[in-house]
């Protein structure tokens, strides 16, 4: 079996590679920290390099949170609950999670929920109206939408 060689970069090389890693796509501090450890840096070096990257604007937790939330909502059509969980898994602060949630307007949110409900209702083959509503609701709650909103929307749209 081939064993992966452990990288041992200097602090300067690691910082350069990490800057390129961040320039390619917005990254969370957790992702950058993990990458720096992969480069073979020690804890103190990782924190020094991460601090430099933050100071130079390569890593910005609030910017990451806003882009993450906006992208997951617009592209994957995730609900707020699933987005919050995703941000928490990236160790994003509660303040930044709150700021990110403001990126999603209530009007767009409800329109997307309505679109998903209608689309799922059209493809659902269940004939029993109660089972059909339950299946659609379960799907939407899994996508991260709030249960109360889902049930109200499903009751209004699925007949």
Protein backbone atom coordinates (compact mmCIF):
# COMPACT_ATOMS: atom_id res chain seq x y z
CA UNK A 1 0.00 0.00 0.00
CA UNK A 2 1.25 3.48 -0.84
CA UNK A 3 1.58 5.70 2.17
CA UNK A 4 0.93 9.41 1.73
CA UNK A 5 4.09 11.40 2.42
CA UNK A 6 3.66 13.93 5.19
CA UNK A 7 4.35 17.48 4.04
CA UNK A 8 6.79 19.55 6.06
CA UNK A 9 6.71 23.06 4.68
CA UNK A 10 8.38 26.08 6.17
CA UNK A 11 6.16 28.71 7.74
CA UNK A 12 6.71 31.01 4.73
CA UNK A 13 5.90 28.28 2.16
CA UNK A 14 2.83 27.22 4.11
CA UNK A 15 1.59 30.82 4.29
CA UNK A 16 1.98 31.22 0.53
CA UNK A 17 0.15 27.95 -0.18
CA UNK A 18 -2.59 28.84 2.31
CA UNK A 19 -2.99 32.29 0.72
CA UNK A 20 -3.50 30.62 -2.67
CA UNK A 21 -5.93 28.15 -1.05
CA UNK A 22 -7.95 31.12 0.29
CA UNK A 23 -7.72 33.15 -2.91
CA UNK A 24 -9.26 30.33 -4.94
CA UNK A 25 -12.43 30.16 -2.83
CA UNK A 26 -13.73 31.72 0.38
CA UNK A 27 -12.62 29.56 3.33
CA UNK A 28 -13.50 29.28 7.00
CA UNK A 29 -10.83 29.57 9.67
CA UNK A 30 -11.37 25.89 10.46
CA UNK A 31 -10.62 24.83 6.85
CA UNK A 32 -7.47 26.98 6.71
CA UNK A 33 -6.30 25.72 10.11
CA UNK A 34 -6.75 22.09 8.96
CA UNK A 35 -4.83 22.80 5.74
CA UNK A 36 -1.95 24.37 7.70
CA UNK A 37 -1.72 21.28 9.91
CA UNK A 38 -1.62 19.17 6.71
CA UNK A 39 1.38 21.24 5.64
CA UNK A 40 3.19 19.98 8.74
CA UNK A 41 3.12 23.15 10.84
CA UNK A 42 3.01 23.13 14.62
CA UNK A 43 0.18 24.70 16.62
CA UNK A 44 1.99 27.99 17.32
CA UNK A 45 3.03 28.31 13.66
CA UNK A 46 -0.51 27.54 12.50
CA UNK A 47 -1.94 30.28 14.69
CA UNK A 48 0.75 32.77 13.55
CA UNK A 49 0.08 32.08 9.86
CA UNK A 50 -3.71 32.15 10.36
CA UNK A 51 -3.42 35.51 12.15
CA UNK A 52 -1.34 36.88 9.25
CA UNK A 53 -3.90 35.62 6.71
CA UNK A 54 -6.72 37.26 8.67
CA UNK A 55 -4.80 40.54 8.93
CA UNK A 56 -4.10 40.48 5.18
CA UNK A 57 -7.77 39.81 4.35
CA UNK A 58 -7.38 36.28 2.97
CA UNK A 59 -9.55 34.85 5.74
CA UNK A 60 -12.65 36.65 6.98
CA UNK A 61 -15.21 34.71 9.03
CA UNK A 62 -18.11 37.12 8.42
CA UNK A 63 -17.48 37.24 4.67
CA UNK A 64 -17.25 33.42 4.57
CA UNK A 65 -20.53 33.06 6.50
CA UNK A 66 -22.41 35.45 4.20
CA UNK A 67 -21.12 33.77 1.03
CA UNK A 68 -21.79 30.29 2.43
CA UNK A 69 -25.36 31.17 3.46
CA UNK A 70 -26.17 32.95 0.21
CA UNK A 71 -24.73 30.18 -1.94
CA UNK A 72 -26.38 27.29 -0.09
CA UNK A 73 -29.72 29.12 -0.24
CA UNK A 74 -29.60 30.22 -3.89
CA UNK A 75 -27.88 27.18 -5.41
CA UNK A 76 -28.89 24.23 -3.21
CA UNK A 77 -32.11 25.85 -1.93
CA UNK A 78 -31.31 24.97 1.69
CA UNK A 79 -33.43 26.32 4.52
CA UNK A 80 -32.12 28.42 7.41
CA UNK A 81 -31.81 25.48 9.83
CA UNK A 82 -29.53 23.48 7.53
CA UNK A 83 -27.43 26.57 6.71
CA UNK A 84 -27.00 27.33 10.44
CA UNK A 85 -25.87 23.77 11.11
CA UNK A 86 -23.40 23.96 8.21
CA UNK A 87 -21.94 27.21 9.54
CA UNK A 88 -21.68 25.76 13.06
CA UNK A 89 -19.77 22.79 11.63
CA UNK A 90 -17.26 25.34 10.27
CA UNK A 91 -16.97 26.76 13.83
CA UNK A 92 -18.37 30.12 12.73
CA UNK A 93 -19.27 32.46 15.63
CA UNK A 94 -22.92 33.02 16.56
CA UNK A 95 -22.53 36.70 15.57
CA UNK A 96 -21.42 35.76 12.04
CA UNK A 97 -24.17 33.14 11.72
CA UNK A 98 -26.70 35.84 12.61
CA UNK A 99 -25.20 38.25 10.05
CA UNK A 100 -25.24 35.51 7.40
CA UNK A 101 -28.94 34.79 7.99
CA UNK A 102 -29.69 38.44 7.18
CA UNK A 103 -28.41 37.75 3.65
CA UNK A 104 -31.59 35.76 2.95
CA UNK A 105 -34.65 37.99 2.56
CA UNK A 106 -37.92 36.67 3.98
CA UNK A 107 -39.60 37.32 0.60
CA UNK A 108 -37.06 35.17 -1.31
CA UNK A 109 -37.15 32.54 1.42
CA UNK A 110 -40.92 32.11 1.24
CA UNK A 111 -40.89 32.18 -2.58
CA UNK A 112 -38.26 29.41 -2.63
CA UNK A 113 -40.20 27.36 -0.09
CA UNK A 114 -43.35 27.74 -2.21
CA UNK A 115 -41.44 26.73 -5.37
CA UNK A 116 -39.98 23.63 -3.67
CA UNK A 117 -43.37 22.66 -2.23
CA UNK A 118 -45.10 22.93 -5.61
CA UNK A 119 -42.32 21.09 -7.42
CA UNK A 120 -42.32 18.23 -4.89
CA UNK A 121 -46.14 18.04 -4.91
CA UNK A 122 -46.11 17.68 -8.72
CA UNK A 123 -43.65 14.78 -8.60
CA UNK A 124 -45.12 12.98 -5.57
CA UNK A 125 -47.08 9.86 -6.59
CA UNK A 126 -48.81 9.27 -3.24
CA UNK A 127 -52.62 9.48 -3.62
CA UNK A 128 -53.59 9.70 0.07
CA UNK A 129 -53.58 13.47 0.73
CA UNK A 130 -52.36 13.11 4.34
CA UNK A 131 -49.47 10.82 3.40
CA UNK A 132 -48.62 13.08 0.47
CA UNK A 133 -48.50 16.16 2.73
CA UNK A 134 -46.41 14.26 5.26
CA UNK A 135 -43.88 13.15 2.62
CA UNK A 136 -43.58 16.66 1.18
CA UNK A 137 -43.23 18.18 4.66
CA UNK A 138 -40.55 15.67 5.66
CA UNK A 139 -38.59 16.50 2.49
CA UNK A 140 -38.76 20.26 3.14
CA UNK A 141 -37.85 19.95 6.82
CA UNK A 142 -34.87 17.80 5.78
CA UNK A 143 -33.84 20.63 3.42
CA UNK A 144 -33.65 22.85 6.51
CA UNK A 145 -36.93 24.75 6.46
CA UNK A 146 -38.74 25.50 9.71
CA UNK A 147 -41.52 23.00 10.51
CA UNK A 148 -44.22 25.64 11.17
CA UNK A 149 -43.53 27.38 7.84
CA UNK A 150 -43.49 24.04 6.03
CA UNK A 151 -46.78 22.83 7.48
CA UNK A 152 -48.52 26.14 6.69
CA UNK A 153 -47.21 26.10 3.14
CA UNK A 154 -48.09 22.44 2.56
CA UNK A 155 -51.64 22.92 3.93
CA UNK A 156 -52.17 25.88 1.58
CA UNK A 157 -50.66 24.35 -1.55
CA UNK A 158 -51.20 20.58 -1.43
CA UNK A 159 -54.80 19.50 -2.05
